[in-house]
N, C-alpha and C. Protein backbone atom coordinates (compact mmCIF):
# COMPACT_ATOMS: atom_id res chain seq x y z
N LEU A 1 0.69 -1.15 0.13
CA LEU A 1 0.71 0.17 0.02
C LEU A 1 0.66 1.47 0.12
N SER A 2 2.17 1.33 -0.28
CA SER A 2 2.88 2.13 0.47
C SER A 2 3.13 3.24 -1.47
N PHE A 3 2.64 2.43 -2.49
CA PHE A 3 2.21 3.08 -3.78
C PHE A 3 1.45 4.44 -3.75
N LEU A 4 0.33 3.99 -2.74
CA LEU A 4 -1.02 4.76 -3.12
C LEU A 4 -0.28 6.40 -2.42
N ASN A 5 1.33 6.28 -1.80
CA ASN A 5 1.64 7.68 -1.57
C ASN A 5 2.04 8.24 -3.09
N LYS A 6 2.38 7.87 -3.79
CA LYS A 6 3.23 8.46 -4.90
C LYS A 6 1.66 8.95 -5.72
N LYS A 7 0.38 8.21 -5.48
CA LYS A 7 -0.35 8.61 -6.26
C LYS A 7 -0.40 10.55 -6.19
N SER A 8 -1.56 11.20 -6.98
CA SER A 8 -1.67 12.12 -7.71
C SER A 8 -2.95 12.93 -6.13
N TRP A 9 -3.80 12.00 -6.02
CA TRP A 9 -5.21 12.01 -5.13
C TRP A 9 -4.33 11.64 -3.73
N HIS A 10 -4.11 11.36 -3.32
CA HIS A 10 -3.41 10.92 -1.92
C HIS A 10 -3.10 11.93 -0.84
N THR A 11 -3.90 11.39 0.23
CA THR A 11 -3.44 12.99 0.84
C THR A 11 -1.96 12.97 1.41
N GLY A 12 -1.63 11.53 1.27
CA GLY A 12 0.09 11.35 2.42
C GLY A 12 1.13 11.51 1.08
N GLY A 13 1.45 11.83 -0.03
CA GLY A 13 1.97 12.30 -0.49
C GLY A 13 2.54 13.87 -0.75
N MET A 14 3.72 13.86 -1.25
CA MET A 14 4.74 15.05 -0.54
C MET A 14 4.37 16.33 -1.11
N LYS A 15 3.35 16.32 -2.22
CA LYS A 15 1.93 17.53 -2.19
C LYS A 15 1.75 17.70 -2.40
N GLN A 16 0.55 17.31 -1.23
CA GLN A 16 -0.41 17.55 -1.00
C GLN A 16 0.14 17.87 0.54
N ARG A 17 0.76 17.09 1.73
CA ARG A 17 1.97 17.49 2.30
C ARG A 17 2.36 19.46 2.92
N GLU A 18 2.85 19.08 1.35
CA GLU A 18 3.74 21.10 1.18
C GLU A 18 2.47 21.51 1.44
N GLU A 19 1.08 21.45 0.22
CA GLU A 19 0.40 22.93 0.33
C GLU A 19 -0.28 22.79 1.89
N VAL A 20 -0.17 21.34 2.46
CA VAL A 20 -0.77 21.69 4.28
C VAL A 20 0.36 22.69 4.42
N TRP A 21 1.42 22.60 4.53
CA TRP A 21 2.49 22.98 5.35
C TRP A 21 2.12 24.83 4.73
N LYS A 22 1.53 24.97 3.47
CA LYS A 22 2.26 26.35 3.55
C LYS A 22 1.09 27.33 3.79
N ARG A 23 -1.04 26.35 3.76
CA ARG A 23 -1.30 26.81 4.67
C ARG A 23 -1.33 27.19 5.98
N GLU A 24 -0.70 26.22 6.41
CA GLU A 24 -0.51 26.10 7.94
C GLU A 24 0.48 27.57 8.72
N GLU A 25 1.48 27.60 7.62
CA GLU A 25 2.11 28.62 7.65
C GLU A 25 1.42 30.50 7.68
N ALA A 26 0.95 30.33 6.59
CA ALA A 26 -0.17 31.30 5.61
C ALA A 26 -1.24 31.40 6.84
N ALA A 27 -1.99 30.60 7.55
CA ALA A 27 -2.58 30.82 9.01
C ALA A 27 -1.86 30.95 10.18
N SER A 28 -1.03 30.84 10.17
CA SER A 28 -0.27 31.01 11.05
C SER A 28 0.15 32.74 11.14
N LYS A 29 0.62 32.92 9.65
CA LYS A 29 1.17 34.57 10.04
C LYS A 29 -0.16 35.53 9.16
N GLU A 30 -1.82 34.70 9.43
CA GLU A 30 -2.26 35.40 9.48
C GLU A 30 -2.92 35.97 10.25
N ALA A 31 -2.66 34.79 11.84
CA ALA A 31 -3.28 34.90 13.04
C ALA A 31 -2.41 35.83 13.78
N ALA A 32 -1.23 36.06 13.54
CA ALA A 32 0.16 36.83 14.26
C ALA A 32 -0.48 38.29 13.89
N ARG A 33 -0.63 38.65 12.84
CA ARG A 33 -1.22 39.66 12.37
C ARG A 33 -2.40 39.92 12.73
N VAL A 34 -3.41 39.20 13.28
CA VAL A 34 -4.24 39.50 13.97
C VAL A 34 -4.01 39.71 15.18
N ARG A 35 -3.91 39.00 15.85
CA ARG A 35 -3.42 39.50 17.65
C ARG A 35 -2.31 40.56 17.43
N GLU A 36 -1.42 40.96 16.26
CA GLU A 36 -0.88 42.21 16.29
C GLU A 36 -1.80 43.57 16.10
N ALA A 37 -2.78 42.87 15.15
CA ALA A 37 -4.28 44.44 15.15
C ALA A 37 -4.59 44.82 16.96
N GLN A 38 -4.98 43.51 16.59
CA GLN A 38 -5.79 43.18 17.91
C GLN A 38 -5.06 43.81 19.08
N LEU A 39 -3.88 44.09 19.79
CA LEU A 39 -3.49 44.78 20.39
C LEU A 39 -2.58 45.87 20.15
N ARG A 40 -3.09 46.32 18.37
CA ARG A 40 -2.95 47.24 18.95
C ARG A 40 -4.10 48.21 19.59
N VAL A 41 -5.65 48.20 18.72
CA VAL A 41 -6.81 48.11 19.13
C VAL A 41 -6.70 48.72 20.58
N GLU A 42 -6.39 47.84 21.31
CA GLU A 42 -6.00 47.51 23.31
C GLU A 42 -5.28 48.41 23.56
N ASP A 43 -4.46 48.43 23.12
CA ASP A 43 -3.19 49.92 23.11
C ASP A 43 -4.20 51.56 22.90
N GLU A 44 -4.56 51.35 21.46
CA GLU A 44 -5.23 52.04 21.10
C GLU A 44 -6.97 52.45 22.17
N ARG A 45 -7.22 52.14 22.91
CA ARG A 45 -8.68 52.05 24.09
C ARG A 45 -8.36 52.71 25.12
N LYS A 46 -7.00 51.90 25.93
CA LYS A 46 -6.02 52.01 26.46
C LYS A 46 -5.62 53.41 27.30
N ARG A 47 -4.94 54.05 26.04
CA ARG A 47 -5.04 55.27 25.97
C ARG A 47 -5.77 55.87 25.33
N ALA A 48 -7.23 56.01 25.32
CA ALA A 48 -8.49 56.90 25.30
C ALA A 48 -9.05 56.65 26.68
N GLU A 49 -8.56 55.92 27.48
CA GLU A 49 -9.42 55.70 29.00
C GLU A 49 -8.27 56.75 29.40
N LEU A 50 -7.35 56.53 29.34
CA LEU A 50 -6.25 57.71 30.08
C LEU A 50 -5.98 58.60 29.99
N GLN A 51 -6.52 58.91 28.53
CA GLN A 51 -6.66 60.65 28.23
C GLN A 51 -8.02 60.99 28.79
N SER A 52 -9.16 60.28 28.70
CA SER A 52 -10.47 60.85 29.47
C SER A 52 -10.00 60.95 31.19
N LEU A 53 -9.78 60.49 31.81
CA LEU A 53 -9.19 60.57 32.93
C LEU A 53 -8.92 61.13 33.43
N THR A 54 -6.78 61.99 32.51
CA THR A 54 -6.51 62.71 33.10
C THR A 54 -6.81 64.48 32.28
N GLY A 55 -8.02 63.61 31.70
CA GLY A 55 -8.90 65.49 31.24
C GLY A 55 -8.06 65.99 30.44
N ALA A 56 -7.29 64.59 29.24
CA ALA A 56 -6.71 65.55 28.32
C ALA A 56 -7.12 65.46 27.11
N PRO A 57 -7.09 66.71 26.18
CA PRO A 57 -7.87 66.79 25.07
C PRO A 57 -8.16 65.39 23.81
N PRO A 58 -8.51 65.42 23.16
CA PRO A 58 -8.66 64.24 22.67
C PRO A 58 -7.86 64.02 21.38
N ALA A 59 -7.28 62.74 20.90
CA ALA A 59 -5.68 63.05 20.21
C ALA A 59 -6.38 63.31 18.45
N ALA A 60 -5.81 63.79 17.90
CA ALA A 60 -6.33 63.76 17.15
C ALA A 60 -6.73 62.82 15.68
N ARG A 61 -7.78 62.68 15.22
CA ARG A 61 -8.28 62.04 13.97
C ARG A 61 -7.17 61.17 12.91
N ALA A 62 -6.17 61.72 12.57
CA ALA A 62 -4.96 61.51 12.04
C ALA A 62 -3.99 60.32 12.51
N GLU A 63 -4.09 61.04 14.33
CA GLU A 63 -3.74 59.79 14.31
C GLU A 63 -3.86 58.27 15.31
N ARG A 64 -5.20 58.76 14.99
CA ARG A 64 -6.21 57.42 15.05
C ARG A 64 -6.24 56.34 14.14
N VAL A 65 -6.09 57.31 13.02
CA VAL A 65 -6.48 56.46 11.50
C VAL A 65 -5.23 56.03 11.10
N ASP A 66 -4.10 56.07 11.96
CA ASP A 66 -2.40 55.89 11.16
C ASP A 66 -2.05 54.91 10.92
N PHE A 67 -2.84 53.44 11.37
CA PHE A 67 -2.59 52.49 11.62
C PHE A 67 -2.86 52.15 10.08
N MET A 68 -3.85 52.61 9.42
CA MET A 68 -4.59 52.21 8.32
C MET A 68 -3.72 52.61 6.94
N TYR A 69 -2.76 53.43 7.12
CA TYR A 69 -1.97 53.52 6.12
C TYR A 69 -0.45 53.59 6.66
N ASN A 70 0.01 53.19 7.56
CA ASN A 70 1.01 51.99 7.53
C ASN A 70 1.33 50.60 7.24
N THR A 71 0.70 49.95 6.12
CA THR A 71 0.83 48.69 5.41
C THR A 71 1.56 48.89 4.29
N PRO A 72 2.35 47.77 4.08
CA PRO A 72 3.62 47.81 3.79
C PRO A 72 3.58 48.26 1.63
N LEU A 73 2.35 48.26 1.41
CA LEU A 73 2.15 49.09 0.42
C LEU A 73 2.10 50.59 0.32
N ALA A 74 1.59 50.95 0.93
CA ALA A 74 1.62 52.61 1.32
C ALA A 74 3.25 52.65 1.49
N ARG A 75 3.84 52.06 2.14
CA ARG A 75 5.57 52.49 1.51
C ARG A 75 6.15 52.12 0.63
N GLN A 76 5.76 50.73 0.77
CA GLN A 76 6.45 51.30 -1.69
C GLN A 76 5.34 51.95 -1.55
N ALA A 77 5.03 52.41 -2.66
CA ALA A 77 4.10 53.89 -2.53
C ALA A 77 4.77 55.16 -2.83
N ALA A 78 5.03 55.04 -0.91
CA ALA A 78 5.79 56.01 -0.65
C ALA A 78 7.72 56.14 -1.50
N GLU A 79 8.29 55.26 -1.49
CA GLU A 79 9.54 55.05 -2.02
C GLU A 79 9.42 55.34 -3.31
N PRO A 80 10.05 55.61 -4.14
CA PRO A 80 10.44 56.37 -5.76
C PRO A 80 10.69 54.87 -6.18
N ALA A 81 10.23 54.69 -7.20
CA ALA A 81 10.36 53.45 -8.29
C ALA A 81 12.38 53.13 -8.32
N PHE A 82 12.73 53.61 -8.94
CA PHE A 82 13.82 54.21 -9.38
C PHE A 82 14.47 55.61 -8.77
N PRO A 83 15.91 55.37 -8.55
CA PRO A 83 16.70 56.99 -8.06
C PRO A 83 15.92 58.44 -9.45
N LEU A 84 16.54 58.80 -9.04
CA LEU A 84 15.83 60.22 -9.44
C LEU A 84 17.18 60.44 -10.73
N PRO A 85 16.83 61.01 -11.30
CA PRO A 85 18.26 61.79 -12.13
C PRO A 85 19.22 62.45 -11.27
N PRO A 86 20.30 62.83 -11.62
CA PRO A 86 20.50 64.18 -11.02
C PRO A 86 20.10 65.54 -12.01
N GLU A 87 20.54 66.41 -10.77
CA GLU A 87 19.59 67.37 -11.16
C GLU A 87 21.16 67.83 -12.37
N LYS A 88 20.67 68.43 -13.32
CA LYS A 88 21.45 69.28 -14.28
C LYS A 88 21.56 70.87 -14.13
N LYS A 89 23.06 70.82 -14.43
CA LYS A 89 23.28 72.40 -13.81
C LYS A 89 23.06 74.07 -15.10
N GLU A 90 22.57 74.91 -14.94
CA GLU A 90 21.72 75.80 -15.25
C GLU A 90 23.15 76.28 -16.32
N ASP A 91 24.20 76.42 -16.14
CA ASP A 91 25.51 76.83 -16.38
C ASP A 91 25.83 75.86 -18.02
N ALA A 92 25.19 75.02 -18.32
CA ALA A 92 25.77 73.58 -19.37
C ALA A 92 25.24 74.26 -20.70
N PRO A 93 25.66 74.36 -21.51
CA PRO A 93 24.82 74.65 -22.51
C PRO A 93 24.10 74.12 -23.29
N LYS A 94 22.64 74.32 -24.07
CA LYS A 94 21.65 73.21 -23.90
C LYS A 94 22.08 73.05 -25.64
N SER A 95 21.46 71.32 -25.68
CA SER A 95 21.68 71.25 -27.04
C SER A 95 20.81 71.74 -28.02
N GLN A 96 20.11 71.76 -28.71
CA GLN A 96 18.57 71.97 -30.04
C GLN A 96 18.20 71.51 -29.30
N LEU A 97 17.92 70.32 -28.81
CA LEU A 97 17.02 69.20 -28.65
C LEU A 97 16.97 69.57 -27.44
N ASP A 98 17.08 70.62 -26.63
CA ASP A 98 17.05 70.82 -25.17
C ASP A 98 15.51 71.89 -25.42
N ARG A 99 16.67 72.76 -26.30
CA ARG A 99 15.98 73.92 -26.30
C ARG A 99 14.65 73.42 -27.13
N VAL A 100 14.41 73.33 -28.04
CA VAL A 100 13.05 71.95 -28.82
C VAL A 100 12.09 72.08 -27.67
N VAL A 101 12.64 70.99 -26.31
CA VAL A 101 11.98 70.55 -25.89
C VAL A 101 11.49 71.30 -24.85
N GLY A 102 12.29 71.84 -23.90
CA GLY A 102 12.72 73.60 -23.00
C GLY A 102 11.34 74.42 -23.53
N SER A 103 11.53 74.85 -25.20
CA SER A 103 9.93 76.26 -25.29
C SER A 103 8.78 75.57 -25.11
N ALA A 104 8.48 74.58 -25.39
CA ALA A 104 7.23 73.76 -25.14
C ALA A 104 6.95 74.14 -23.34
N GLU A 105 5.34 74.79 -22.93
CA GLU A 105 5.24 75.15 -22.19
C GLU A 105 4.06 74.72 -21.12
N GLY A 106 4.23 74.83 -19.63
CA GLY A 106 3.09 73.98 -19.16
C GLY A 106 3.71 72.69 -18.45
N PRO A 107 3.17 72.23 -17.17
CA PRO A 107 3.63 70.96 -16.60
C PRO A 107 3.42 69.81 -17.37
N ALA A 108 2.20 69.93 -18.52
CA ALA A 108 2.48 68.74 -18.75
C ALA A 108 3.80 69.04 -19.65
N ALA A 109 4.50 69.52 -20.19
CA ALA A 109 5.87 68.69 -21.23
C ALA A 109 7.02 69.23 -20.06
N ALA A 110 6.37 69.24 -19.23
CA ALA A 110 7.94 68.48 -18.37
C ALA A 110 8.09 68.09 -18.02
N ALA A 111 6.07 66.65 -18.13
CA ALA A 111 6.30 65.21 -17.58
C ALA A 111 7.31 64.18 -18.41
N LEU A 112 7.61 63.70 -17.70
CA LEU A 112 8.47 62.65 -18.30
C LEU A 112 7.20 61.66 -18.71
N PRO A 113 7.70 60.65 -19.88
CA PRO A 113 6.51 59.84 -20.12
C PRO A 113 6.98 58.36 -19.25
N SER A 114 5.79 57.94 -19.67
CA SER A 114 5.46 57.45 -18.11
C SER A 114 6.54 55.50 -18.61
N ALA A 115 6.61 54.60 -17.72
CA ALA A 115 6.49 53.18 -18.57
C ALA A 115 6.09 52.59 -19.85
N ASN A 116 5.60 52.96 -19.36
CA ASN A 116 4.27 52.35 -20.66
C ASN A 116 3.90 52.84 -22.09
N GLU A 117 3.94 54.11 -21.63
CA GLU A 117 4.36 55.05 -22.98
C GLU A 117 5.34 54.56 -23.06
N THR A 118 6.15 54.21 -23.24
CA THR A 118 7.96 54.05 -23.52
C THR A 118 7.73 53.34 -23.74
N TRP A 119 7.21 51.37 -23.31
CA TRP A 119 7.16 50.03 -23.66
C TRP A 119 6.13 50.31 -24.99
N ALA A 120 5.31 51.11 -24.99
CA ALA A 120 4.31 51.08 -26.13
C ALA A 120 5.69 51.60 -27.34
N ARG A 121 5.92 52.52 -27.35
CA ARG A 121 6.10 53.68 -28.34
C ARG A 121 7.55 52.47 -28.64
N LEU A 122 8.57 51.85 -27.96
CA LEU A 122 9.50 51.09 -28.70
C LEU A 122 8.27 50.20 -29.38
N ASN A 123 7.16 48.68 -28.69
CA ASN A 123 7.51 47.74 -29.58
C ASN A 123 6.33 48.09 -30.93
N ASN A 124 5.46 49.58 -30.96
CA ASN A 124 4.49 49.59 -32.14
C ASN A 124 4.97 50.93 -32.91
N ASP A 125 7.15 51.36 -32.62
CA ASP A 125 7.73 51.45 -34.08
C ASP A 125 8.19 50.77 -35.28
N PRO A 126 7.53 51.17 -35.89
CA PRO A 126 7.89 50.39 -37.64
C PRO A 126 9.68 50.25 -37.71
N LEU A 127 10.01 51.12 -37.86
CA LEU A 127 11.29 51.68 -37.73
C LEU A 127 11.98 50.54 -37.61
N LEU A 128 10.99 50.01 -35.65
CA LEU A 128 12.00 49.23 -34.62
C LEU A 128 11.53 47.78 -35.54
N ALA A 129 10.68 47.35 -35.55
CA ALA A 129 10.49 46.13 -36.23
C ALA A 129 10.91 45.93 -37.19
N ILE A 130 11.35 47.33 -38.27
CA ILE A 130 11.95 46.28 -39.45
C ILE A 130 13.59 45.58 -38.66
N ARG A 131 13.95 46.92 -38.24
CA ARG A 131 15.05 46.48 -37.63
C ARG A 131 14.90 44.98 -37.09
N ARG A 132 14.03 44.91 -36.41
CA ARG A 132 14.21 43.41 -35.49
C ARG A 132 14.15 41.96 -37.05
N ARG A 133 12.97 42.08 -37.53
CA ARG A 133 13.03 41.45 -38.75
C ARG A 133 14.60 41.02 -39.35
N GLU A 134 15.07 42.44 -39.93
CA GLU A 134 17.00 41.86 -40.21
C GLU A 134 17.35 41.39 -39.80
N GLN A 135 17.59 41.75 -38.06
CA GLN A 135 18.50 40.41 -37.41
C GLN A 135 17.46 39.82 -36.92
N GLU A 136 16.38 39.19 -37.37
CA GLU A 136 16.14 37.91 -37.04
C GLU A 136 17.07 36.74 -38.23
N LYS A 137 16.52 37.55 -39.84
CA LYS A 137 17.09 37.43 -40.87
C LYS A 137 18.58 37.02 -41.18
N ARG A 138 19.56 37.90 -40.32
CA ARG A 138 20.60 37.40 -40.20
C ARG A 138 21.28 37.14 -38.88
N GLN A 139 20.73 36.08 -38.23
CA GLN A 139 20.66 35.06 -36.55
C GLN A 139 20.61 33.85 -38.07
N ALA A 140 18.95 34.01 -38.57
CA ALA A 140 18.72 33.03 -39.01
C ALA A 140 19.58 32.41 -40.11
N VAL A 141 20.51 33.65 -40.62
CA VAL A 141 21.48 32.73 -42.06
C VAL A 141 22.82 32.99 -41.72
N VAL A 142 23.05 33.07 -40.13
CA VAL A 142 24.15 33.27 -39.23
C VAL A 142 24.60 31.87 -38.45
N ASN A 143 23.44 31.53 -37.78
CA ASN A 143 23.57 29.79 -37.77
C ASN A 143 23.18 29.10 -38.35
N ASN A 144 22.97 29.39 -40.19
CA ASN A 144 23.13 28.39 -41.24
C ASN A 144 24.20 27.62 -41.68
N PRO A 145 24.69 26.35 -41.54
CA PRO A 145 26.41 26.69 -41.27
C PRO A 145 26.40 26.18 -42.85
N VAL A 146 25.85 25.57 -43.56
CA VAL A 146 25.41 25.21 -44.91
C VAL A 146 25.51 26.83 -46.12
N ARG A 147 24.65 28.10 -45.52
CA ARG A 147 24.24 29.43 -46.20
C ARG A 147 25.52 29.86 -45.55
N MET A 148 26.39 29.96 -44.75
CA MET A 148 27.33 30.32 -43.87
C MET A 148 28.41 30.04 -44.95
N LYS A 149 28.79 28.72 -45.42
CA LYS A 149 29.50 28.24 -46.14
C LYS A 149 29.30 28.76 -47.57
N GLU A 150 28.80 28.28 -48.15
CA GLU A 150 28.15 29.52 -49.28
C GLU A 150 28.84 31.05 -49.41
N LEU A 151 28.39 31.91 -49.02
CA LEU A 151 28.83 32.73 -48.30
C LEU A 151 30.23 33.49 -48.58
N ARG A 152 31.09 32.09 -47.73
CA ARG A 152 32.18 32.34 -47.58
C ARG A 152 33.01 32.31 -48.73
N GLY A 153 32.44 30.95 -49.57
CA GLY A 153 32.70 30.96 -51.08
C GLY A 153 32.56 32.14 -51.68
N GLU A 154 31.60 32.75 -52.08
CA GLU A 154 31.16 33.85 -52.93
C GLU A 154 32.15 35.03 -52.05
N VAL A 155 32.83 35.61 -50.92
CA VAL A 155 33.59 36.46 -50.52
C VAL A 155 34.74 35.83 -50.92
N ALA A 156 35.29 34.34 -50.61
CA ALA A 156 36.67 33.73 -50.94
C ALA A 156 36.66 34.72 -53.28
N ARG A 157 35.80 33.95 -53.67
CA ARG A 157 35.87 34.29 -54.93
C ARG A 157 36.02 35.61 -55.81
N LEU A 158 35.62 36.45 -55.32
CA LEU A 158 34.75 37.78 -55.05
C LEU A 158 36.55 38.66 -54.71
N LYS A 159 37.29 38.13 -54.03
CA LYS A 159 38.23 38.67 -53.47
C LYS A 159 39.88 38.59 -54.34
N GLU A 160 38.66 37.11 -54.73
CA GLU A 160 40.02 37.22 -55.82
C GLU A 160 39.60 37.67 -57.12
N THR A 161 38.42 37.48 -57.93
CA THR A 161 38.49 38.45 -58.33
C THR A 161 39.06 39.86 -58.94
N LEU A 162 38.76 40.76 -57.46
CA LEU A 162 39.23 42.17 -56.85
C LEU A 162 40.97 41.86 -57.41
N GLN A 163 41.23 40.75 -57.11
CA GLN A 163 42.66 41.31 -57.20
C GLN A 163 43.81 41.26 -58.55
């Protein structure tokens, strides 16, 4: 009966055990997160009681909902996705392109294109598509040993005729 563990549907197989382990880990992480949230709520309630006993003014609303904005996603959004380029000095002479781009007015002209726009421009550019096809054809010829041998022979014959 030990062969049953090797069946995909059997609960004793390694795949099923791994799935159970992953789910237990996720459940324990979720339980820890819930416990931490309960501790924060309890701490906030104790502070509110202490403030009401001492007669101190209530805390600002931003302090009470601050925990909502203290998530990993919010911290990630606060950090830039990539470092900003260094500042350019104004004393440097401007190229013609900089003058043309700088002549446009308004905040929209100063905005950099997003990653999606850049990707769309590169992938929808017909000249780039033509160059890609040319490179693919060149690679096909280079990777074909028979065709390369023919081309080398033609080059050798041309060199002989020129000399």
